[in-house]
Amino acid sequence: LLMLDEPSLGLAPRVVRTLYEKLHLLHRRGLTLVIVEQYV
């Protein structure tokens, strides 16, 4: 179980998109995720 608290905090939108691509990959690999986020 991986929990992430505001992973987009202080990052440019382009960087946020790249970061979320990695999180999508982790999710597709079967990792359970809990994400706290203002970047709704």
PDB file of all heavy atoms in Angstrom:
ATOM      1  N   LEU A   1       0.856  -1.184   0.000  1.00  0.00           N
ATOM      2  CA  LEU A   1       0.000   0.000   0.000  1.00  0.00           C
ATOM      3  C   LEU A   1       0.893   1.235   0.000  1.00  0.00           C
ATOM      4  O   LEU A   1       1.694   1.428   0.914  1.00  0.00           O
ATOM      5  CB  LEU A   1      -0.902   0.013   1.238  1.00  0.00           C
ATOM      6  CG  LEU A   1      -1.700   1.306   1.495  1.00  0.00           C
ATOM      7  CD1 LEU A   1      -2.731   1.526   0.393  1.00  0.00           C
ATOM      8  CD2 LEU A   1      -2.385   1.246   2.868  1.00  0.00           C
ATOM      9  N   LEU A   2       0.752   2.057  -1.037  1.00  0.00           N
ATOM     10  CA  LEU A   2       1.520   3.296  -1.141  1.00  0.00           C
ATOM     11  C   LEU A   2       0.567   4.480  -0.978  1.00  0.00           C
ATOM     12  O   LEU A   2      -0.400   4.613  -1.727  1.00  0.00           O
ATOM     13  CB  LEU A   2       2.226   3.389  -2.490  1.00  0.00           C
ATOM     14  CG  LEU A   2       3.064   4.650  -2.734  1.00  0.00           C
ATOM     15  CD1 LEU A   2       4.248   4.691  -1.774  1.00  0.00           C
ATOM     16  CD2 LEU A   2       3.541   4.722  -4.181  1.00  0.00           C
ATOM     17  N   MET A   3       0.847   5.330   0.013  1.00  0.00           N
ATOM     18  CA  MET A   3       0.044   6.516   0.268  1.00  0.00           C
ATOM     19  C   MET A   3       0.855   7.746  -0.113  1.00  0.00           C
ATOM     20  O   MET A   3       2.033   7.857   0.244  1.00  0.00           O
ATOM     21  CB  MET A   3      -0.365   6.575   1.740  1.00  0.00           C
ATOM     22  CG  MET A   3      -1.179   5.371   2.190  1.00  0.00           C
ATOM     23  SD  MET A   3      -1.664   5.450   3.935  1.00  0.00           S
ATOM     24  CE  MET A   3      -0.080   5.153   4.729  1.00  0.00           C
ATOM     25  N   LEU A   4       0.229   8.659  -0.837  1.00  0.00           N
ATOM     26  CA  LEU A   4       0.924   9.852  -1.314  1.00  0.00           C
ATOM     27  C   LEU A   4       0.152  11.083  -0.866  1.00  0.00           C
ATOM     28  O   LEU A   4      -1.051  11.203  -1.108  1.00  0.00           O
ATOM     29  CB  LEU A   4       1.034   9.846  -2.841  1.00  0.00           C
ATOM     30  CG  LEU A   4       1.754   8.644  -3.452  1.00  0.00           C
ATOM     31  CD1 LEU A   4       0.743   7.703  -4.102  1.00  0.00           C
ATOM     32  CD2 LEU A   4       2.798   9.074  -4.477  1.00  0.00           C
ATOM     33  N   ASP A   5       0.868  12.003  -0.222  1.00  0.00           N
ATOM     34  CA  ASP A   5       0.254  13.216   0.309  1.00  0.00           C
ATOM     35  C   ASP A   5       0.660  14.409  -0.556  1.00  0.00           C
ATOM     36  O   ASP A   5       1.813  14.836  -0.540  1.00  0.00           O
ATOM     37  CB  ASP A   5       0.704  13.431   1.759  1.00  0.00           C
ATOM     38  CG  ASP A   5      -0.115  14.503   2.479  1.00  0.00           C
ATOM     39  OD1 ASP A   5      -1.018  15.082   1.853  1.00  0.00           O
ATOM     40  OD2 ASP A   5       0.146  14.737   3.664  1.00  0.00           O
ATOM     41  N   GLU A   6      -0.300  14.912  -1.332  1.00  0.00           N
ATOM     42  CA  GLU A   6      -0.097  16.073  -2.196  1.00  0.00           C
ATOM     43  C   GLU A   6       1.124  15.912  -3.106  1.00  0.00           C
ATOM     44  O   GLU A   6       2.048  16.744  -3.094  1.00  0.00           O
ATOM     45  CB  GLU A   6       0.045  17.350  -1.356  1.00  0.00           C
ATOM     46  CG  GLU A   6      -1.128  17.640  -0.444  1.00  0.00           C
ATOM     47  CD  GLU A   6      -2.370  18.152  -1.186  1.00  0.00           C
ATOM     48  OE1 GLU A   6      -2.343  18.214  -2.426  1.00  0.00           O
ATOM     49  OE2 GLU A   6      -3.366  18.467  -0.506  1.00  0.00           O
ATOM     50  N   PRO A   7       1.157  14.875  -3.945  1.00  0.00           N
ATOM     51  CA  PRO A   7       2.341  14.667  -4.793  1.00  0.00           C
ATOM     52  C   PRO A   7       2.570  15.784  -5.810  1.00  0.00           C
ATOM     53  O   PRO A   7       3.690  15.951  -6.292  1.00  0.00           O
ATOM     54  CB  PRO A   7       2.049  13.332  -5.484  1.00  0.00           C
ATOM     55  CG  PRO A   7       0.570  13.170  -5.412  1.00  0.00           C
ATOM     56  CD  PRO A   7       0.166  13.809  -4.120  1.00  0.00           C
ATOM     57  N   SER A   8       1.524  16.563  -6.132  1.00  0.00           N
ATOM     58  CA  SER A   8       1.686  17.623  -7.132  1.00  0.00           C
ATOM     59  C   SER A   8       2.109  18.952  -6.522  1.00  0.00           C
ATOM     60  O   SER A   8       2.318  19.930  -7.246  1.00  0.00           O
ATOM     61  CB  SER A   8       0.369  17.822  -7.892  1.00  0.00           C
ATOM     62  OG  SER A   8      -0.623  18.395  -7.048  1.00  0.00           O
ATOM     63  N   LEU A   9       2.267  19.014  -5.212  1.00  0.00           N
ATOM     64  CA  LEU A   9       2.511  20.276  -4.514  1.00  0.00           C
ATOM     65  C   LEU A   9       3.743  20.996  -5.061  1.00  0.00           C
ATOM     66  O   LEU A   9       4.842  20.470  -5.075  1.00  0.00           O
ATOM     67  CB  LEU A   9       2.699  20.020  -3.018  1.00  0.00           C
ATOM     68  CG  LEU A   9       2.845  21.260  -2.123  1.00  0.00           C
ATOM     69  CD1 LEU A   9       1.539  22.042  -2.092  1.00  0.00           C
ATOM     70  CD2 LEU A   9       3.247  20.844  -0.700  1.00  0.00           C
ATOM     71  N   GLY A  10       3.540  22.232  -5.514  1.00  0.00           N
ATOM     72  CA  GLY A  10       4.638  23.072  -5.958  1.00  0.00           C
ATOM     73  C   GLY A  10       5.218  22.722  -7.309  1.00  0.00           C
ATOM     74  O   GLY A  10       6.260  23.272  -7.688  1.00  0.00           O
ATOM     75  N   LEU A  11       4.581  21.835  -8.064  1.00  0.00           N
ATOM     76  CA  LEU A  11       5.119  21.399  -9.344  1.00  0.00           C
ATOM     77  C   LEU A  11       4.363  22.037 -10.511  1.00  0.00           C
ATOM     78  O   LEU A  11       3.159  22.273 -10.430  1.00  0.00           O
ATOM     79  CB  LEU A  11       5.052  19.879  -9.463  1.00  0.00           C
ATOM     80  CG  LEU A  11       5.755  19.071  -8.371  1.00  0.00           C
ATOM     81  CD1 LEU A  11       5.621  17.585  -8.656  1.00  0.00           C
ATOM     82  CD2 LEU A  11       7.225  19.467  -8.251  1.00  0.00           C
ATOM     83  N   ALA A  12       5.067  22.267 -11.600  1.00  0.00           N
ATOM     84  CA  ALA A  12       4.454  22.794 -12.815  1.00  0.00           C
ATOM     85  C   ALA A  12       3.514  21.746 -13.404  1.00  0.00           C
ATOM     86  O   ALA A  12       3.737  20.534 -13.248  1.00  0.00           O
ATOM     87  CB  ALA A  12       5.531  23.163 -13.830  1.00  0.00           C
ATOM     88  N   PRO A  13       2.451  22.182 -14.106  1.00  0.00           N
ATOM     89  CA  PRO A  13       1.488  21.223 -14.685  1.00  0.00           C
ATOM     90  C   PRO A  13       2.140  20.145 -15.546  1.00  0.00           C
ATOM     91  O   PRO A  13       1.727  18.984 -15.491  1.00  0.00           O
ATOM     92  CB  PRO A  13       0.566  22.123 -15.507  1.00  0.00           C
ATOM     93  CG  PRO A  13       0.599  23.442 -14.806  1.00  0.00           C
ATOM     94  CD  PRO A  13       2.015  23.574 -14.301  1.00  0.00           C
ATOM     95  N   ARG A  14       3.147  20.495 -16.334  1.00  0.00           N
ATOM     96  CA  ARG A  14       3.815  19.502 -17.170  1.00  0.00           C
ATOM     97  C   ARG A  14       4.476  18.427 -16.320  1.00  0.00           C
ATOM     98  O   ARG A  14       4.423  17.230 -16.649  1.00  0.00           O
ATOM     99  CB  ARG A  14       4.859  20.204 -18.053  1.00  0.00           C
ATOM    100  CG  ARG A  14       5.707  19.255 -18.888  1.00  0.00           C
ATOM    101  CD  ARG A  14       6.759  20.026 -19.671  1.00  0.00           C
ATOM    102  NE  ARG A  14       7.595  20.841 -18.799  1.00  0.00           N
ATOM    103  CZ  ARG A  14       8.643  20.359 -18.118  1.00  0.00           C
ATOM    104  NH1 ARG A  14       8.956  19.056 -18.192  1.00  0.00           N
ATOM    105  NH2 ARG A  14       9.373  21.160 -17.360  1.00  0.00           N
ATOM    106  N   VAL A  15       5.088  18.832 -15.231  1.00  0.00           N
ATOM    107  CA  VAL A  15       5.755  17.876 -14.337  1.00  0.00           C
ATOM    108  C   VAL A  15       4.712  17.009 -13.630  1.00  0.00           C
ATOM    109  O   VAL A  15       4.917  15.799 -13.442  1.00  0.00           O
ATOM    110  CB  VAL A  15       6.624  18.626 -13.312  1.00  0.00           C
ATOM    111  CG1 VAL A  15       7.297  17.642 -12.356  1.00  0.00           C
ATOM    112  CG2 VAL A  15       7.670  19.477 -14.018  1.00  0.00           C
ATOM    113  N   VAL A  16       3.587  17.609 -13.255  1.00  0.00           N
ATOM    114  CA  VAL A  16       2.506  16.850 -12.618  1.00  0.00           C
ATOM    115  C   VAL A  16       2.013  15.753 -13.546  1.00  0.00           C
ATOM    116  O   VAL A  16       1.813  14.602 -13.129  1.00  0.00           O
ATOM    117  CB  VAL A  16       1.344  17.780 -12.210  1.00  0.00           C
ATOM    118  CG1 VAL A  16       0.154  16.960 -11.703  1.00  0.00           C
ATOM    119  CG2 VAL A  16       1.791  18.765 -11.135  1.00  0.00           C
ATOM    120  N   ARG A  17       1.829  16.083 -14.809  1.00  0.00           N
ATOM    121  CA  ARG A  17       1.358  15.066 -15.774  1.00  0.00           C
ATOM    122  C   ARG A  17       2.350  13.910 -15.886  1.00  0.00           C
ATOM    123  O   ARG A  17       1.955  12.740 -15.912  1.00  0.00           O
ATOM    124  CB  ARG A  17       1.122  15.713 -17.140  1.00  0.00           C
ATOM    125  CG  ARG A  17      -0.118  16.589 -17.193  1.00  0.00           C
ATOM    126  CD  ARG A  17      -0.467  16.958 -18.620  1.00  0.00           C
ATOM    127  NE  ARG A  17       0.554  17.811 -19.232  1.00  0.00           N
ATOM    128  CZ  ARG A  17       0.547  19.141 -19.158  1.00  0.00           C
ATOM    129  NH1 ARG A  17      -0.412  19.758 -18.496  1.00  0.00           N
ATOM    130  NH2 ARG A  17       1.488  19.837 -19.752  1.00  0.00           N
ATOM    131  N   THR A  18       3.642  14.250 -15.938  1.00  0.00           N
ATOM    132  CA  THR A  18       4.664  13.197 -16.010  1.00  0.00           C
ATOM    133  C   THR A  18       4.635  12.318 -14.765  1.00  0.00           C
ATOM    134  O   THR A  18       4.715  11.083 -14.848  1.00  0.00           O
ATOM    135  CB  THR A  18       6.060  13.832 -16.164  1.00  0.00           C
ATOM    136  OG1 THR A  18       6.099  14.585 -17.377  1.00  0.00           O
ATOM    137  CG2 THR A  18       7.143  12.761 -16.199  1.00  0.00           C
ATOM    138  N   LEU A  19       4.501  12.954 -13.617  1.00  0.00           N
ATOM    139  CA  LEU A  19       4.465  12.217 -12.358  1.00  0.00           C
ATOM    140  C   LEU A  19       3.271  11.279 -12.322  1.00  0.00           C
ATOM    141  O   LEU A  19       3.391  10.104 -11.912  1.00  0.00           O
ATOM    142  CB  LEU A  19       4.414  13.195 -11.195  1.00  0.00           C
ATOM    143  CG  LEU A  19       4.592  12.623  -9.796  1.00  0.00           C
ATOM    144  CD1 LEU A  19       5.992  12.056  -9.622  1.00  0.00           C
ATOM    145  CD2 LEU A  19       4.315  13.699  -8.758  1.00  0.00           C
ATOM    146  N   TYR A  20       2.115  11.760 -12.757  1.00  0.00           N
ATOM    147  CA  TYR A  20       0.920  10.921 -12.725  1.00  0.00           C
ATOM    148  C   TYR A  20       0.992   9.783 -13.742  1.00  0.00           C
ATOM    149  O   TYR A  20       0.392   8.731 -13.534  1.00  0.00           O
ATOM    150  CB  TYR A  20      -0.337  11.771 -12.907  1.00  0.00           C
ATOM    151  CG  TYR A  20      -0.928  12.189 -11.577  1.00  0.00           C
ATOM    152  CD1 TYR A  20      -0.496  13.348 -10.937  1.00  0.00           C
ATOM    153  CD2 TYR A  20      -1.868  11.396 -10.934  1.00  0.00           C
ATOM    154  CE1 TYR A  20      -1.003  13.715  -9.695  1.00  0.00           C
ATOM    155  CE2 TYR A  20      -2.379  11.755  -9.698  1.00  0.00           C
ATOM    156  CZ  TYR A  20      -1.950  12.909  -9.085  1.00  0.00           C
ATOM    157  OH  TYR A  20      -2.448  13.255  -7.844  1.00  0.00           O
ATOM    158  N   GLU A  21       1.739   9.973 -14.813  1.00  0.00           N
ATOM    159  CA  GLU A  21       1.957   8.853 -15.734  1.00  0.00           C
ATOM    160  C   GLU A  21       2.665   7.707 -15.010  1.00  0.00           C
ATOM    161  O   GLU A  21       2.338   6.530 -15.221  1.00  0.00           O
ATOM    162  CB  GLU A  21       2.792   9.316 -16.930  1.00  0.00           C
ATOM    163  CG  GLU A  21       2.031  10.213 -17.900  1.00  0.00           C
ATOM    164  CD  GLU A  21       2.944  10.800 -18.963  1.00  0.00           C
ATOM    165  OE1 GLU A  21       4.151  10.457 -18.967  1.00  0.00           O
ATOM    166  OE2 GLU A  21       2.459  11.608 -19.776  1.00  0.00           O
ATOM    167  N   LYS A  22       3.614   8.046 -14.155  1.00  0.00           N
ATOM    168  CA  LYS A  22       4.324   7.021 -13.379  1.00  0.00           C
ATOM    169  C   LYS A  22       3.381   6.358 -12.373  1.00  0.00           C
ATOM    170  O   LYS A  22       3.439   5.134 -12.163  1.00  0.00           O
ATOM    171  CB  LYS A  22       5.512   7.636 -12.648  1.00  0.00           C
ATOM    172  CG  LYS A  22       6.501   8.367 -13.539  1.00  0.00           C
ATOM    173  CD  LYS A  22       7.176   7.446 -14.532  1.00  0.00           C
ATOM    174  CE  LYS A  22       8.260   8.202 -15.299  1.00  0.00           C
ATOM    175  NZ  LYS A  22       8.954   7.312 -16.288  1.00  0.00           N
ATOM    176  N   LEU A  23       2.495   7.135 -11.756  1.00  0.00           N
ATOM    177  CA  LEU A  23       1.553   6.567 -10.797  1.00  0.00           C
ATOM    178  C   LEU A  23       0.546   5.658 -11.501  1.00  0.00           C
ATOM    179  O   LEU A  23       0.158   4.616 -10.959  1.00  0.00           O
ATOM    180  CB  LEU A  23       0.836   7.685 -10.044  1.00  0.00           C
ATOM    181  CG  LEU A  23       1.722   8.569  -9.160  1.00  0.00           C
ATOM    182  CD1 LEU A  23       0.894   9.645  -8.474  1.00  0.00           C
ATOM    183  CD2 LEU A  23       2.475   7.737  -8.124  1.00  0.00           C
ATOM    184  N   HIS A  24       0.121   6.043 -12.700  1.00  0.00           N
ATOM    185  CA  HIS A  24      -0.760   5.161 -13.486  1.00  0.00           C
ATOM    186  C   HIS A  24      -0.059   3.834 -13.748  1.00  0.00           C
ATOM    187  O   HIS A  24      -0.685   2.763 -13.662  1.00  0.00           O
ATOM    188  CB  HIS A  24      -1.137   5.831 -14.809  1.00  0.00           C
ATOM    189  CG  HIS A  24      -2.282   6.786 -14.719  1.00  0.00           C
ATOM    190  ND1 HIS A  24      -3.605   6.374 -14.783  1.00  0.00           N
ATOM    191  CD2 HIS A  24      -2.315   8.134 -14.566  1.00  0.00           C
ATOM    192  CE1 HIS A  24      -4.391   7.436 -14.690  1.00  0.00           C
ATOM    193  NE2 HIS A  24      -3.642   8.518 -14.546  1.00  0.00           N
ATOM    194  N   LEU A  25       1.225   3.884 -14.066  1.00  0.00           N
ATOM    195  CA  LEU A  25       1.980   2.658 -14.334  1.00  0.00           C
ATOM    196  C   LEU A  25       2.052   1.777 -13.099  1.00  0.00           C
ATOM    197  O   LEU A  25       1.826   0.557 -13.165  1.00  0.00           O
ATOM    198  CB  LEU A  25       3.386   3.016 -14.816  1.00  0.00           C
ATOM    199  CG  LEU A  25       4.329   1.846 -15.100  1.00  0.00           C
ATOM    200  CD1 LEU A  25       3.746   0.926 -16.164  1.00  0.00           C
ATOM    201  CD2 LEU A  25       5.697   2.373 -15.538  1.00  0.00           C
ATOM    202  N   LEU A  26       2.320   2.379 -11.940  1.00  0.00           N
ATOM    203  CA  LEU A  26       2.353   1.606 -10.701  1.00  0.00           C
ATOM    204  C   LEU A  26       0.998   0.965 -10.411  1.00  0.00           C
ATOM    205  O   LEU A  26       0.918  -0.193  -9.966  1.00  0.00           O
ATOM    206  CB  LEU A  26       2.761   2.507  -9.532  1.00  0.00           C
ATOM    207  CG  LEU A  26       4.216   2.981  -9.514  1.00  0.00           C
ATOM    208  CD1 LEU A  26       4.412   4.025  -8.425  1.00  0.00           C
ATOM    209  CD2 LEU A  26       5.168   1.808  -9.304  1.00  0.00           C
ATOM    210  N   HIS A  27      -0.073   1.713 -10.668  1.00  0.00           N
ATOM    211  CA  HIS A  27      -1.420   1.171 -10.442  1.00  0.00           C
ATOM    212  C   HIS A  27      -1.702   0.007 -11.375  1.00  0.00           C
ATOM    213  O   HIS A  27      -2.245  -1.027 -10.957  1.00  0.00           O
ATOM    214  CB  HIS A  27      -2.440   2.290 -10.636  1.00  0.00           C
ATOM    215  CG  HIS A  27      -3.854   1.884 -10.378  1.00  0.00           C
ATOM    216  ND1 HIS A  27      -4.206   0.968  -9.409  1.00  0.00           N
ATOM    217  CD2 HIS A  27      -5.029   2.264 -10.964  1.00  0.00           C
ATOM    218  CE1 HIS A  27      -5.525   0.808  -9.401  1.00  0.00           C
ATOM    219  NE2 HIS A  27      -6.034   1.569 -10.336  1.00  0.00           N
ATOM    220  N   ARG A  28      -1.315   0.137 -12.651  1.00  0.00           N
ATOM    221  CA  ARG A  28      -1.532  -0.962 -13.603  1.00  0.00           C
ATOM    222  C   ARG A  28      -0.739  -2.199 -13.213  1.00  0.00           C
ATOM    223  O   ARG A  28      -1.141  -3.331 -13.512  1.00  0.00           O
ATOM    224  CB  ARG A  28      -1.149  -0.517 -15.018  1.00  0.00           C
ATOM    225  CG  ARG A  28      -2.120   0.474 -15.637  1.00  0.00           C
ATOM    226  CD  ARG A  28      -1.897   0.593 -17.141  1.00  0.00           C
ATOM    227  NE  ARG A  28      -0.576   1.101 -17.480  1.00  0.00           N
ATOM    228  CZ  ARG A  28      -0.291   2.396 -17.617  1.00  0.00           C
ATOM    229  NH1 ARG A  28      -1.241   3.312 -17.438  1.00  0.00           N
ATOM    230  NH2 ARG A  28       0.927   2.779 -17.937  1.00  0.00           N
ATOM    231  N   ARG A  29       0.384  -2.000 -12.519  1.00  0.00           N
ATOM    232  CA  ARG A  29       1.189  -3.147 -12.064  1.00  0.00           C
ATOM    233  C   ARG A  29       0.603  -3.801 -10.814  1.00  0.00           C
ATOM    234  O   ARG A  29       1.133  -4.802 -10.341  1.00  0.00           O
ATOM    235  CB  ARG A  29       2.615  -2.680 -11.774  1.00  0.00           C
ATOM    236  CG  ARG A  29       3.404  -2.307 -13.029  1.00  0.00           C
ATOM    237  CD  ARG A  29       4.798  -1.795 -12.658  1.00  0.00           C
ATOM    238  NE  ARG A  29       5.597  -1.500 -13.844  1.00  0.00           N
ATOM    239  CZ  ARG A  29       6.817  -0.963 -13.819  1.00  0.00           C
ATOM    240  NH1 ARG A  29       7.381  -0.679 -12.642  1.00  0.00           N
ATOM    241  NH2 ARG A  29       7.469  -0.718 -14.937  1.00  0.00           N
ATOM    242  N   GLY A  30      -0.469  -3.228 -10.267  1.00  0.00           N
ATOM    243  CA  GLY A  30      -1.163  -3.865  -9.154  1.00  0.00           C
ATOM    244  C   GLY A  30      -0.906  -3.277  -7.790  1.00  0.00           C
ATOM    245  O   GLY A  30      -1.382  -3.817  -6.785  1.00  0.00           O
ATOM    246  N   LEU A  31      -0.155  -2.167  -7.712  1.00  0.00           N
ATOM    247  CA  LEU A  31       0.104  -1.549  -6.417  1.00  0.00           C
ATOM    248  C   LEU A  31      -1.140  -0.799  -5.943  1.00  0.00           C
ATOM    249  O   LEU A  31      -1.765  -0.058  -6.701  1.00  0.00           O
ATOM    250  CB  LEU A  31       1.282  -0.582  -6.522  1.00  0.00           C
ATOM    251  CG  LEU A  31       1.757   0.083  -5.233  1.00  0.00           C
ATOM    252  CD1 LEU A  31       2.199  -0.952  -4.214  1.00  0.00           C
ATOM    253  CD2 LEU A  31       2.879   1.070  -5.525  1.00  0.00           C
ATOM    254  N   THR A  32      -1.508  -1.002  -4.690  1.00  0.00           N
ATOM    255  CA  THR A  32      -2.643  -0.310  -4.090  1.00  0.00           C
ATOM    256  C   THR A  32      -2.205   1.102  -3.695  1.00  0.00           C
ATOM    257  O   THR A  32      -1.159   1.285  -3.076  1.00  0.00           O
ATOM    258  CB  THR A  32      -3.157  -1.071  -2.856  1.00  0.00           C
ATOM    259  OG1 THR A  32      -3.416  -2.431  -3.233  1.00  0.00           O
ATOM    260  CG2 THR A  32      -4.426  -0.440  -2.316  1.00  0.00           C
ATOM    261  N   LEU A  33      -3.035   2.092  -4.056  1.00  0.00           N
ATOM    262  CA  LEU A  33      -2.667   3.492  -3.857  1.00  0.00           C
ATOM    263  C   LEU A  33      -3.755   4.245  -3.096  1.00  0.00           C
ATOM    264  O   LEU A  33      -4.943   4.029  -3.319  1.00  0.00           O
ATOM    265  CB  LEU A  33      -2.463   4.196  -5.201  1.00  0.00           C
ATOM    266  CG  LEU A  33      -1.409   3.633  -6.160  1.00  0.00           C
ATOM    267  CD1 LEU A  33      -1.483   4.356  -7.496  1.00  0.00           C
ATOM    268  CD2 LEU A  33      -0.020   3.766  -5.564  1.00  0.00           C
ATOM    269  N   VAL A  34      -3.326   5.138  -2.210  1.00  0.00           N
ATOM    270  CA  VAL A  34      -4.204   6.138  -1.615  1.00  0.00           C
ATOM    271  C   VAL A  34      -3.541   7.488  -1.863  1.00  0.00           C
ATOM    272  O   VAL A  34      -2.389   7.691  -1.473  1.00  0.00           O
ATOM    273  CB  VAL A  34      -4.422   5.923  -0.104  1.00  0.00           C
ATOM    274  CG1 VAL A  34      -5.279   7.053   0.477  1.00  0.00           C
ATOM    275  CG2 VAL A  34      -5.088   4.584   0.154  1.00  0.00           C
ATOM    276  N   ILE A  35      -4.266   8.391  -2.512  1.00  0.00           N
ATOM    277  CA  ILE A  35      -3.689   9.671  -2.902  1.00  0.00           C
ATOM    278  C   ILE A  35      -4.503  10.807  -2.300  1.00  0.00           C
ATOM    279  O   ILE A  35      -5.720  10.901  -2.509  1.00  0.00           O
ATOM    280  CB  ILE A  35      -3.656   9.818  -4.435  1.00  0.00           C
ATOM    281  CG1 ILE A  35      -2.879   8.665  -5.054  1.00  0.00           C
ATOM    282  CG2 ILE A  35      -3.056  11.160  -4.831  1.00  0.00           C
ATOM    283  CD1 ILE A  35      -2.949   8.635  -6.551  1.00  0.00           C
ATOM    284  N   VAL A  36      -3.838  11.639  -1.533  1.00  0.00           N
ATOM    285  CA  VAL A  36      -4.414  12.886  -1.027  1.00  0.00           C
ATOM    286  C   VAL A  36      -3.963  13.982  -1.971  1.00  0.00           C
ATOM    287  O   VAL A  36      -2.773  14.108  -2.259  1.00  0.00           O
ATOM    288  CB  VAL A  36      -3.940  13.159   0.412  1.00  0.00           C
ATOM    289  CG1 VAL A  36      -3.992  14.648   0.725  1.00  0.00           C
ATOM    290  CG2 VAL A  36      -4.782  12.384   1.403  1.00  0.00           C
ATOM    291  N   GLU A  37      -4.914  14.766  -2.462  1.00  0.00           N
ATOM    292  CA  GLU A  37      -4.547  15.679  -3.534  1.00  0.00           C
ATOM    293  C   GLU A  37      -5.520  16.847  -3.655  1.00  0.00           C
ATOM    294  O   GLU A  37      -6.732  16.683  -3.509  1.00  0.00           O
ATOM    295  CB  GLU A  37      -4.517  14.886  -4.851  1.00  0.00           C
ATOM    296  CG  GLU A  37      -4.036  15.630  -6.073  1.00  0.00           C
ATOM    297  CD  GLU A  37      -2.587  16.063  -5.998  1.00  0.00           C
ATOM    298  OE1 GLU A  37      -2.330  17.089  -5.333  1.00  0.00           O
ATOM    299  OE2 GLU A  37      -1.727  15.390  -6.610  1.00  0.00           O
ATOM    300  N   GLN A  38      -4.949  18.040  -3.920  1.00  0.00           N
ATOM    301  CA  GLN A  38      -5.766  19.180  -4.318  1.00  0.00           C
ATOM    302  C   GLN A  38      -5.916  19.244  -5.837  1.00  0.00           C
ATOM    303  O   GLN A  38      -6.818  19.893  -6.342  1.00  0.00           O
ATOM    304  CB  GLN A  38      -5.138  20.488  -3.820  1.00  0.00           C
ATOM    305  CG  GLN A  38      -5.137  20.640  -2.313  1.00  0.00           C
ATOM    306  CD  GLN A  38      -4.575  21.984  -1.903  1.00  0.00           C
ATOM    307  OE1 GLN A  38      -5.137  23.030  -2.215  1.00  0.00           O
ATOM    308  NE2 GLN A  38      -3.458  21.958  -1.207  1.00  0.00           N
ATOM    309  N   TYR A  39      -5.027  18.591  -6.551  1.00  0.00           N
ATOM    310  CA  TYR A  39      -5.081  18.528  -8.011  1.00  0.00           C
ATOM    311  C   TYR A  39      -6.129  17.476  -8.384  1.00  0.00           C
ATOM    312  O   TYR A  39      -5.825  16.366  -8.787  1.00  0.00           O
ATOM    313  CB  TYR A  39      -3.703  18.131  -8.549  1.00  0.00           C
ATOM    314  CG  TYR A  39      -3.323  18.721  -9.881  1.00  0.00           C
ATOM    315  CD1 TYR A  39      -2.519  19.851  -9.959  1.00  0.00           C
ATOM    316  CD2 TYR A  39      -3.747  18.142 -11.064  1.00  0.00           C
ATOM    317  CE1 TYR A  39      -2.147  20.380 -11.183  1.00  0.00           C
ATOM    318  CE2 TYR A  39      -3.383  18.661 -12.286  1.00  0.00           C
ATOM    319  CZ  TYR A  39      -2.573  19.784 -12.340  1.00  0.00           C
ATOM    320  OH  TYR A  39      -2.202  20.303 -13.560  1.00  0.00           O
ATOM    321  N   VAL A  40      -7.397  17.878  -8.230  1.00  0.00           N
ATOM    322  CA  VAL A  40      -8.506  16.921  -8.187  1.00  0.00           C
ATOM    323  C   VAL A  40      -8.643  16.141  -9.483  1.00  0.00           C
ATOM    324  O   VAL A  40      -8.866  14.921  -9.474  1.00  0.00           O
ATOM    325  CB  VAL A  40      -9.818  17.653  -7.839  1.00  0.00           C
ATOM    326  CG1 VAL A  40     -11.006  16.715  -7.942  1.00  0.00           C
ATOM    327  CG2 VAL A  40      -9.724  18.253  -6.440  1.00  0.00           C
TER     328      VAL A  40
END
